[in-house]
Amino acid sequence: MPDPMLRVDFGALQHASDSINTALRRLRGDLHQIEREAAPLVATWEGDAQQAYYARQQAWTKAADNLAGMLSDIKGALDQSAIDYATTERDNRNRFI
């Protein structure tokens, strides 16, 4: 039978939040690096090839921004959960003081 008690691992919440933050920085950094490295090559393209690249770049930038937004929302929820659980824990402890 499952344990009905809710157990919160504050360290795990913080670790998850930190991991998401690291992933967000890496995602943004990798995209900027790709754009910097591709720029000299793309500058040599003309017409349809260049336009196709820019269209694809816009699509992946939009997808990355959407992913970053979702990850930021999840990180915010984790951070708020940690605050809420800590507040509840403190309030419960203070009832016995």
PDB file of N, CA and C in Angstrom:
ATOM      1  N   MET A   1       0.846  -1.177   0.000  1.00  0.00           N
ATOM      2  CA  MET A   1       0.000   0.000   0.000  1.00  0.00           C
ATOM      3  C   MET A   1       0.894   1.244   0.000  1.00  0.00           C
ATOM      4  N   PRO A   2       0.588   2.232  -0.831  1.00  0.00           N
ATOM      5  CA  PRO A   2       1.408   3.446  -0.881  1.00  0.00           C
ATOM      6  C   PRO A   2       1.352   4.222   0.431  1.00  0.00           C
ATOM      7  N   ASP A   3       2.452   4.859   0.736  1.00  0.00           N
ATOM      8  CA  ASP A   3       2.542   5.694   1.938  1.00  0.00           C
ATOM      9  C   ASP A   3       1.736   6.968   1.696  1.00  0.00           C
ATOM     10  N   PRO A   4       0.759   7.290   2.564  1.00  0.00           N
ATOM     11  CA  PRO A   4      -0.079   8.475   2.347  1.00  0.00           C
ATOM     12  C   PRO A   4       0.633   9.784   2.689  1.00  0.00           C
ATOM     13  N   MET A   5       1.812   9.701   3.285  1.00  0.00           N
ATOM     14  CA  MET A   5       2.543  10.911   3.670  1.00  0.00           C
ATOM     15  C   MET A   5       3.267  11.503   2.459  1.00  0.00           C
ATOM     16  N   LEU A   6       3.217  12.803   2.363  1.00  0.00           N
ATOM     17  CA  LEU A   6       3.942  13.518   1.318  1.00  0.00           C
ATOM     18  C   LEU A   6       5.319  13.869   1.860  1.00  0.00           C
ATOM     19  N   ARG A   7       6.336  13.435   1.145  1.00  0.00           N
ATOM     20  CA  ARG A   7       7.693  13.748   1.553  1.00  0.00           C
ATOM     21  C   ARG A   7       8.317  14.633   0.478  1.00  0.00           C
ATOM     22  N   VAL A   8       8.896  15.721   0.912  1.00  0.00           N
ATOM     23  CA  VAL A   8       9.499  16.669  -0.019  1.00  0.00           C
ATOM     24  C   VAL A   8      11.003  16.683   0.211  1.00  0.00           C
ATOM     25  N   ASP A   9      11.739  16.491  -0.856  1.00  0.00           N
ATOM     26  CA  ASP A   9      13.198  16.553  -0.804  1.00  0.00           C
ATOM     27  C   ASP A   9      13.603  17.920  -1.353  1.00  0.00           C
ATOM     28  N   PHE A  10      13.887  18.860  -0.442  1.00  0.00           N
ATOM     29  CA  PHE A  10      14.206  20.224  -0.855  1.00  0.00           C
ATOM     30  C   PHE A  10      15.461  20.267  -1.718  1.00  0.00           C
ATOM     31  N   GLY A  11      16.405  19.416  -1.412  1.00  0.00           N
ATOM     32  CA  GLY A  11      17.625  19.348  -2.221  1.00  0.00           C
ATOM     33  C   GLY A  11      17.327  18.915  -3.643  1.00  0.00           C
ATOM     34  N   ALA A  12      16.415  17.957  -3.789  1.00  0.00           N
ATOM     35  CA  ALA A  12      16.054  17.490  -5.128  1.00  0.00           C
ATOM     36  C   ALA A  12      15.322  18.576  -5.907  1.00  0.00           C
ATOM     37  N   LEU A  13      14.455  19.327  -5.226  1.00  0.00           N
ATOM     38  CA  LEU A  13      13.773  20.439  -5.895  1.00  0.00           C
ATOM     39  C   LEU A  13      14.786  21.476  -6.377  1.00  0.00           C
ATOM     40  N   GLN A  14      15.746  21.810  -5.526  1.00  0.00           N
ATOM     41  CA  GLN A  14      16.764  22.795  -5.902  1.00  0.00           C
ATOM     42  C   GLN A  14      17.628  22.269  -7.039  1.00  0.00           C
ATOM     43  N   HIS A  15      17.989  20.987  -6.974  1.00  0.00           N
ATOM     44  CA  HIS A  15      18.808  20.382  -8.026  1.00  0.00           C
ATOM     45  C   HIS A  15      18.069  20.413  -9.368  1.00  0.00           C
ATOM     46  N   ALA A  16      16.790  20.089  -9.346  1.00  0.00           N
ATOM     47  CA  ALA A  16      16.001  20.118 -10.583  1.00  0.00           C
ATOM     48  C   ALA A  16      15.935  21.532 -11.144  1.00  0.00           C
ATOM     49  N   SER A  17      15.720  22.505 -10.284  1.00  0.00           N
ATOM     50  CA  SER A  17      15.670  23.902 -10.712  1.00  0.00           C
ATOM     51  C   SER A  17      17.008  24.332 -11.309  1.00  0.00           C
ATOM     52  N   ASP A  18      18.093  23.975 -10.648  1.00  0.00           N
ATOM     53  CA  ASP A  18      19.425  24.314 -11.149  1.00  0.00           C
ATOM     54  C   ASP A  18      19.708  23.633 -12.486  1.00  0.00           C
ATOM     55  N   SER A  19      19.277  22.381 -12.621  1.00  0.00           N
ATOM     56  CA  SER A  19      19.485  21.643 -13.872  1.00  0.00           C
ATOM     57  C   SER A  19      18.738  22.293 -15.029  1.00  0.00           C
ATOM     58  N   ILE A  20      17.524  22.739 -14.773  1.00  0.00           N
ATOM     59  CA  ILE A  20      16.754  23.425 -15.810  1.00  0.00           C
ATOM     60  C   ILE A  20      17.449  24.725 -16.192  1.00  0.00           C
ATOM     61  N   ASN A  21      17.930  25.456 -15.206  1.00  0.00           N
ATOM     62  CA  ASN A  21      18.635  26.708 -15.478  1.00  0.00           C
ATOM     63  C   ASN A  21      19.881  26.459 -16.331  1.00  0.00           C
ATOM     64  N   THR A  22      20.622  25.408 -16.016  1.00  0.00           N
ATOM     65  CA  THR A  22      21.801  25.040 -16.796  1.00  0.00           C
ATOM     66  C   THR A  22      21.410  24.675 -18.225  1.00  0.00           C
ATOM     67  N   ALA A  23      20.334  23.912 -18.374  1.00  0.00           N
ATOM     68  CA  ALA A  23      19.867  23.527 -19.709  1.00  0.00           C
ATOM     69  C   ALA A  23      19.451  24.748 -20.519  1.00  0.00           C
ATOM     70  N   LEU A  24      18.796  25.703 -19.880  1.00  0.00           N
ATOM     71  CA  LEU A  24      18.395  26.932 -20.572  1.00  0.00           C
ATOM     72  C   LEU A  24      19.614  27.710 -21.056  1.00  0.00           C
ATOM     73  N   ARG A  25      20.604  27.857 -20.202  1.00  0.00           N
ATOM     74  CA  ARG A  25      21.827  28.576 -20.609  1.00  0.00           C
ATOM     75  C   ARG A  25      22.520  27.852 -21.754  1.00  0.00           C
ATOM     76  N   ARG A  26      22.586  26.534 -21.667  1.00  0.00           N
ATOM     77  CA  ARG A  26      23.242  25.749 -22.714  1.00  0.00           C
ATOM     78  C   ARG A  26      22.477  25.863 -24.031  1.00  0.00           C
ATOM     79  N   LEU A  27      21.164  25.784 -23.972  1.00  0.00           N
ATOM     80  CA  LEU A  27      20.340  25.899 -25.178  1.00  0.00           C
ATOM     81  C   LEU A  27      20.590  27.235 -25.867  1.00  0.00           C
ATOM     82  N   ARG A  28      20.513  28.308 -25.104  1.00  0.00           N
ATOM     83  CA  ARG A  28      20.724  29.642 -25.683  1.00  0.00           C
ATOM     84  C   ARG A  28      22.149  29.794 -26.214  1.00  0.00           C
ATOM     85  N   GLY A  29      23.113  29.321 -25.449  1.00  0.00           N
ATOM     86  CA  GLY A  29      24.513  29.415 -25.871  1.00  0.00           C
ATOM     87  C   GLY A  29      24.791  28.624 -27.131  1.00  0.00           C
ATOM     88  N   ASP A  30      24.252  27.409 -27.201  1.00  0.00           N
ATOM     89  CA  ASP A  30      24.456  26.576 -28.390  1.00  0.00           C
ATOM     90  C   ASP A  30      23.835  27.212 -29.627  1.00  0.00           C
ATOM     91  N   LEU A  31      22.635  27.758 -29.486  1.00  0.00           N
ATOM     92  CA  LEU A  31      22.000  28.406 -30.638  1.00  0.00           C
ATOM     93  C   LEU A  31      22.796  29.615 -31.110  1.00  0.00           C
ATOM     94  N   HIS A  32      23.272  30.418 -30.178  1.00  0.00           N
ATOM     95  CA  HIS A  32      24.081  31.577 -30.571  1.00  0.00           C
ATOM     96  C   HIS A  32      25.380  31.148 -31.241  1.00  0.00           C
ATOM     97  N   GLN A  33      25.988  30.090 -30.740  1.00  0.00           N
ATOM     98  CA  GLN A  33      27.227  29.598 -31.341  1.00  0.00           C
ATOM     99  C   GLN A  33      26.974  29.091 -32.756  1.00  0.00           C
ATOM    100  N   ILE A  34      25.900  28.355 -32.952  1.00  0.00           N
ATOM    101  CA  ILE A  34      25.566  27.858 -34.293  1.00  0.00           C
ATOM    102  C   ILE A  34      25.357  29.022 -35.248  1.00  0.00           C
ATOM    103  N   GLU A  35      24.620  30.034 -34.795  1.00  0.00           N
ATOM    104  CA  GLU A  35      24.368  31.194 -35.651  1.00  0.00           C
ATOM    105  C   GLU A  35      25.667  31.919 -35.997  1.00  0.00           C
ATOM    106  N   ARG A  36      26.560  32.080 -35.013  1.00  0.00           N
ATOM    107  CA  ARG A  36      27.848  32.743 -35.273  1.00  0.00           C
ATOM    108  C   ARG A  36      28.690  31.945 -36.259  1.00  0.00           C
ATOM    109  N   GLU A  37      28.738  30.630 -36.069  1.00  0.00           N
ATOM    110  CA  GLU A  37      29.557  29.794 -36.942  1.00  0.00           C
ATOM    111  C   GLU A  37      28.982  29.706 -38.351  1.00  0.00           C
ATOM    112  N   ALA A  38      27.668  29.748 -38.470  1.00  0.00           N
ATOM    113  CA  ALA A  38      27.036  29.635 -39.787  1.00  0.00           C
ATOM    114  C   ALA A  38      27.053  30.953 -40.559  1.00  0.00           C
ATOM    115  N   ALA A  39      27.126  32.072 -39.857  1.00  0.00           N
ATOM    116  CA  ALA A  39      26.998  33.389 -40.498  1.00  0.00           C
ATOM    117  C   ALA A  39      27.944  33.600 -41.678  1.00  0.00           C
ATOM    118  N   PRO A  40      29.243  33.285 -41.567  1.00  0.00           N
ATOM    119  CA  PRO A  40      30.121  33.513 -42.721  1.00  0.00           C
ATOM    120  C   PRO A  40      29.721  32.685 -43.946  1.00  0.00           C
ATOM    121  N   LEU A  41      29.291  31.455 -43.715  1.00  0.00           N
ATOM    122  CA  LEU A  41      28.867  30.603 -44.823  1.00  0.00           C
ATOM    123  C   LEU A  41      27.567  31.113 -45.428  1.00  0.00           C
ATOM    124  N   VAL A  42      26.612  31.437 -44.580  1.00  0.00           N
ATOM    125  CA  VAL A  42      25.309  31.919 -45.050  1.00  0.00           C
ATOM    126  C   VAL A  42      25.475  33.212 -45.842  1.00  0.00           C
ATOM    127  N   ALA A  43      26.435  34.035 -45.456  1.00  0.00           N
ATOM    128  CA  ALA A  43      26.671  35.300 -46.160  1.00  0.00           C
ATOM    129  C   ALA A  43      27.099  35.074 -47.610  1.00  0.00           C
ATOM    130  N   THR A  44      27.626  33.886 -47.907  1.00  0.00           N
ATOM    131  CA  THR A  44      28.041  33.600 -49.288  1.00  0.00           C
ATOM    132  C   THR A  44      26.886  33.079 -50.139  1.00  0.00           C
ATOM    133  N   TRP A  45      25.780  32.714 -49.509  1.00  0.00           N
ATOM    134  CA  TRP A  45      24.632  32.196 -50.239  1.00  0.00           C
ATOM    135  C   TRP A  45      23.792  33.341 -50.779  1.00  0.00           C
ATOM    136  N   GLU A  46      23.078  33.024 -51.838  1.00  0.00           N
ATOM    137  CA  GLU A  46      22.178  34.015 -52.434  1.00  0.00           C
ATOM    138  C   GLU A  46      20.841  33.360 -52.735  1.00  0.00           C
ATOM    139  N   GLY A  47      19.857  34.183 -52.946  1.00  0.00           N
ATOM    140  CA  GLY A  47      18.558  33.732 -53.432  1.00  0.00           C
ATOM    141  C   GLY A  47      17.872  32.718 -52.547  1.00  0.00           C
ATOM    142  N   ASP A  48      17.384  31.644 -53.213  1.00  0.00           N
ATOM    143  CA  ASP A  48      16.573  30.637 -52.532  1.00  0.00           C
ATOM    144  C   ASP A  48      17.314  29.933 -51.395  1.00  0.00           C
ATOM    145  N   ALA A  49      18.600  29.663 -51.595  1.00  0.00           N
ATOM    146  CA  ALA A  49      19.365  28.963 -50.556  1.00  0.00           C
ATOM    147  C   ALA A  49      19.427  29.803 -49.282  1.00  0.00           C
ATOM    148  N   GLN A  50      19.722  31.083 -49.444  1.00  0.00           N
ATOM    149  CA  GLN A  50      19.801  31.961 -48.284  1.00  0.00           C
ATOM    150  C   GLN A  50      18.438  32.126 -47.625  1.00  0.00           C
ATOM    151  N   GLN A  51      17.403  32.304 -48.420  1.00  0.00           N
ATOM    152  CA  GLN A  51      16.054  32.465 -47.868  1.00  0.00           C
ATOM    153  C   GLN A  51      15.586  31.196 -47.153  1.00  0.00           C
ATOM    154  N   ALA A  52      15.925  30.034 -47.726  1.00  0.00           N
ATOM    155  CA  ALA A  52      15.549  28.769 -47.085  1.00  0.00           C
ATOM    156  C   ALA A  52      16.239  28.632 -45.727  1.00  0.00           C
ATOM    157  N   TYR A  53      17.508  29.024 -45.676  1.00  0.00           N
ATOM    158  CA  TYR A  53      18.224  28.964 -44.404  1.00  0.00           C
ATOM    159  C   TYR A  53      17.572  29.886 -43.383  1.00  0.00           C
ATOM    160  N   TYR A  54      17.295  31.130 -43.780  1.00  0.00           N
ATOM    161  CA  TYR A  54      16.705  32.079 -42.837  1.00  0.00           C
ATOM    162  C   TYR A  54      15.322  31.622 -42.364  1.00  0.00           C
ATOM    163  N   ALA A  55      14.551  31.019 -43.256  1.00  0.00           N
ATOM    164  CA  ALA A  55      13.237  30.500 -42.857  1.00  0.00           C
ATOM    165  C   ALA A  55      13.399  29.377 -41.834  1.00  0.00           C
ATOM    166  N   ARG A  56      14.352  28.492 -42.097  1.00  0.00           N
ATOM    167  CA  ARG A  56      14.599  27.379 -41.168  1.00  0.00           C
ATOM    168  C   ARG A  56      15.142  27.910 -39.836  1.00  0.00           C
ATOM    169  N   GLN A  57      16.021  28.902 -39.914  1.00  0.00           N
ATOM    170  CA  GLN A  57      16.571  29.487 -38.694  1.00  0.00           C
ATOM    171  C   GLN A  57      15.463  30.112 -37.848  1.00  0.00           C
ATOM    172  N   GLN A  58      14.539  30.807 -38.485  1.00  0.00           N
ATOM    173  CA  GLN A  58      13.411  31.393 -37.752  1.00  0.00           C
ATOM    174  C   GLN A  58      12.583  30.307 -37.080  1.00  0.00           C
ATOM    175  N   ALA A  59      12.356  29.202 -37.800  1.00  0.00           N
ATOM    176  CA  ALA A  59      11.550  28.109 -37.246  1.00  0.00           C
ATOM    177  C   ALA A  59      12.228  27.502 -36.022  1.00  0.00           C
ATOM    178  N   TRP A  60      13.537  27.239 -36.110  1.00  0.00           N
ATOM    179  CA  TRP A  60      14.177  26.608 -34.954  1.00  0.00           C
ATOM    180  C   TRP A  60      14.372  27.598 -33.813  1.00  0.00           C
ATOM    181  N   THR A  61      14.530  28.865 -34.135  1.00  0.00           N
ATOM    182  CA  THR A  61      14.615  29.867 -33.068  1.00  0.00           C
ATOM    183  C   THR A  61      13.282  29.965 -32.333  1.00  0.00           C
ATOM    184  N   LYS A  62      12.184  29.944 -33.089  1.00  0.00           N
ATOM    185  CA  LYS A  62      10.856  29.987 -32.463  1.00  0.00           C
ATOM    186  C   LYS A  62      10.635  28.744 -31.597  1.00  0.00           C
ATOM    187  N   ALA A  63      11.014  27.573 -32.118  1.00  0.00           N
ATOM    188  CA  ALA A  63      10.859  26.332 -31.351  1.00  0.00           C
ATOM    189  C   ALA A  63      11.714  26.372 -30.080  1.00  0.00           C
ATOM    190  N   ALA A  64      12.938  26.872 -30.201  1.00  0.00           N
ATOM    191  CA  ALA A  64      13.814  26.973 -29.029  1.00  0.00           C
ATOM    192  C   ALA A  64      13.251  27.960 -28.014  1.00  0.00           C
ATOM    193  N   ASP A  65      12.699  29.070 -28.497  1.00  0.00           N
ATOM    194  CA  ASP A  65      12.086  30.046 -27.589  1.00  0.00           C
ATOM    195  C   ASP A  65      10.883  29.443 -26.867  1.00  0.00           C
ATOM    196  N   ASN A  66      10.084  28.662 -27.595  1.00  0.00           N
ATOM    197  CA  ASN A  66       8.936  27.989 -26.969  1.00  0.00           C
ATOM    198  C   ASN A  66       9.406  26.998 -25.905  1.00  0.00           C
ATOM    199  N   LEU A  67      10.430  26.225 -26.236  1.00  0.00           N
ATOM    200  CA  LEU A  67      10.983  25.270 -25.277  1.00  0.00           C
ATOM    201  C   LEU A  67      11.542  26.000 -24.059  1.00  0.00           C
ATOM    202  N   ALA A  68      12.273  27.079 -24.302  1.00  0.00           N
ATOM    203  CA  ALA A  68      12.830  27.861 -23.193  1.00  0.00           C
ATOM    204  C   ALA A  68      11.715  28.417 -22.309  1.00  0.00           C
ATOM    205  N   GLY A  69      10.636  28.854 -22.919  1.00  0.00           N
ATOM    206  CA  GLY A  69       9.503  29.358 -22.144  1.00  0.00           C
ATOM    207  C   GLY A  69       8.886  28.281 -21.271  1.00  0.00           C
ATOM    208  N   MET A  70       8.724  27.085 -21.841  1.00  0.00           N
ATOM    209  CA  MET A  70       8.169  25.979 -21.056  1.00  0.00           C
ATOM    210  C   MET A  70       9.100  25.598 -19.909  1.00  0.00           C
ATOM    211  N   LEU A  71      10.395  25.516 -20.208  1.00  0.00           N
ATOM    212  CA  LEU A  71      11.355  25.177 -19.156  1.00  0.00           C
ATOM    213  C   LEU A  71      11.388  26.245 -18.067  1.00  0.00           C
ATOM    214  N   SER A  72      11.292  27.502 -18.468  1.00  0.00           N
ATOM    215  CA  SER A  72      11.248  28.589 -17.478  1.00  0.00           C
ATOM    216  C   SER A  72      10.008  28.478 -16.603  1.00  0.00           C
ATOM    217  N   ASP A  73       8.877  28.128 -17.222  1.00  0.00           N
ATOM    218  CA  ASP A  73       7.643  27.941 -16.448  1.00  0.00           C
ATOM    219  C   ASP A  73       7.788  26.793 -15.451  1.00  0.00           C
ATOM    220  N   ILE A  74       8.386  25.699 -15.900  1.00  0.00           N
ATOM    221  CA  ILE A  74       8.590  24.545 -15.017  1.00  0.00           C
ATOM    222  C   ILE A  74       9.530  24.923 -13.877  1.00  0.00           C
ATOM    223  N   LYS A  75      10.616  25.629 -14.200  1.00  0.00           N
ATOM    224  CA  LYS A  75      11.552  26.077 -13.166  1.00  0.00           C
ATOM    225  C   LYS A  75      10.842  26.981 -12.162  1.00  0.00           C
ATOM    226  N   GLY A  76      10.024  27.891 -12.657  1.00  0.00           N
ATOM    227  CA  GLY A  76       9.281  28.778 -11.765  1.00  0.00           C
ATOM    228  C   GLY A  76       8.346  28.004 -10.850  1.00  0.00           C
ATOM    229  N   ALA A  77       7.684  26.984 -11.408  1.00  0.00           N
ATOM    230  CA  ALA A  77       6.785  26.157 -10.598  1.00  0.00           C
ATOM    231  C   ALA A  77       7.567  25.374  -9.540  1.00  0.00           C
ATOM    232  N   LEU A  78       8.726  24.848  -9.921  1.00  0.00           N
ATOM    233  CA  LEU A  78       9.566  24.138  -8.943  1.00  0.00           C
ATOM    234  C   LEU A  78      10.011  25.074  -7.826  1.00  0.00           C
ATOM    235  N   ASP A  79      10.468  26.257  -8.206  1.00  0.00           N
ATOM    236  CA  ASP A  79      10.926  27.221  -7.202  1.00  0.00           C
ATOM    237  C   ASP A  79       9.788  27.625  -6.270  1.00  0.00           C
ATOM    238  N   GLN A  80       8.606  27.865  -6.842  1.00  0.00           N
ATOM    239  CA  GLN A  80       7.462  28.250  -6.015  1.00  0.00           C
ATOM    240  C   GLN A  80       7.028  27.099  -5.118  1.00  0.00           C
ATOM    241  N   SER A  81       7.080  25.878  -5.640  1.00  0.00           N
ATOM    242  CA  SER A  81       6.741  24.706  -4.820  1.00  0.00           C
ATOM    243  C   SER A  81       7.687  24.586  -3.636  1.00  0.00           C
ATOM    244  N   ALA A  82       8.968  24.793  -3.878  1.00  0.00           N
ATOM    245  CA  ALA A  82       9.942  24.715  -2.783  1.00  0.00           C
ATOM    246  C   ALA A  82       9.633  25.763  -1.721  1.00  0.00           C
ATOM    247  N   ILE A  83       9.295  26.971  -2.154  1.00  0.00           N
ATOM    248  CA  ILE A  83       8.941  28.033  -1.204  1.00  0.00           C
ATOM    249  C   ILE A  83       7.688  27.650  -0.423  1.00  0.00           C
ATOM    250  N   ASP A  84       6.676  27.174  -1.140  1.00  0.00           N
ATOM    251  CA  ASP A  84       5.413  26.805  -0.490  1.00  0.00           C
ATOM    252  C   ASP A  84       5.600  25.659   0.501  1.00  0.00           C
ATOM    253  N   TYR A  85       6.353  24.627   0.091  1.00  0.00           N
ATOM    254  CA  TYR A  85       6.595  23.500   0.997  1.00  0.00           C
ATOM    255  C   TYR A  85       7.394  23.948   2.219  1.00  0.00           C
ATOM    256  N   ALA A  86       8.391  24.799   2.018  1.00  0.00           N
ATOM    257  CA  ALA A  86       9.193  25.285   3.146  1.00  0.00           C
ATOM    258  C   ALA A  86       8.336  26.111   4.102  1.00  0.00           C
ATOM    259  N   THR A  87       7.452  26.930   3.554  1.00  0.00           N
ATOM    260  CA  THR A  87       6.556  27.733   4.392  1.00  0.00           C
ATOM    261  C   THR A  87       5.634  26.838   5.203  1.00  0.00           C
ATOM    262  N   THR A  88       5.073  25.833   4.559  1.00  0.00           N
ATOM    263  CA  THR A  88       4.191  24.891   5.255  1.00  0.00           C
ATOM    264  C   THR A  88       4.956  24.141   6.334  1.00  0.00           C
ATOM    265  N   GLU A  89       6.157  23.714   6.005  1.00  0.00           N
ATOM    266  CA  GLU A  89       6.999  23.004   6.977  1.00  0.00           C
ATOM    267  C   GLU A  89       7.282  23.897   8.188  1.00  0.00           C
ATOM    268  N   ARG A  90       7.640  25.143   7.946  1.00  0.00           N
ATOM    269  CA  ARG A  90       7.918  26.085   9.036  1.00  0.00           C
ATOM    270  C   ARG A  90       6.668  26.324   9.878  1.00  0.00           C
ATOM    271  N   ASP A  91       5.531  26.536   9.209  1.00  0.00           N
ATOM    272  CA  ASP A  91       4.278  26.767   9.940  1.00  0.00           C
ATOM    273  C   ASP A  91       3.912  25.568  10.808  1.00  0.00           C
ATOM    274  N   ASN A  92       4.070  24.372  10.270  1.00  0.00           N
ATOM    275  CA  ASN A  92       3.770  23.166  11.048  1.00  0.00           C
ATOM    276  C   ASN A  92       4.715  23.032  12.239  1.00  0.00           C
ATOM    277  N   ARG A  93       5.977  23.309  12.025  1.00  0.00           N
ATOM    278  CA  ARG A  93       6.956  23.235  13.115  1.00  0.00           C
ATOM    279  C   ARG A  93       6.618  24.258  14.204  1.00  0.00           C
ATOM    280  N   ASN A  94       6.217  25.453  13.801  1.00  0.00           N
ATOM    281  CA  ASN A  94       5.896  26.507  14.771  1.00  0.00           C
ATOM    282  C   ASN A  94       4.667  26.180  15.616  1.00  0.00           C
ATOM    283  N   ARG A  95       3.831  25.297  15.155  1.00  0.00           N
ATOM    284  CA  ARG A  95       2.662  24.897  15.940  1.00  0.00           C
ATOM    285  C   ARG A  95       3.054  24.145  17.202  1.00  0.00           C
ATOM    286  N   PHE A  96       4.243  23.591  17.190  1.00  0.00           N
ATOM    287  CA  PHE A  96       4.700  22.799  18.333  1.00  0.00           C
ATOM    288  C   PHE A  96       5.660  23.565  19.230  1.00  0.00           C
ATOM    289  N   ILE A  97       5.887  24.799  18.915  1.00  0.00           N
ATOM    290  CA  ILE A  97       6.822  25.606  19.720  1.00  0.00           C
ATOM    291  C   ILE A  97       6.058  26.372  20.767  1.00  0.00           C
TER     292      ILE A  97
END
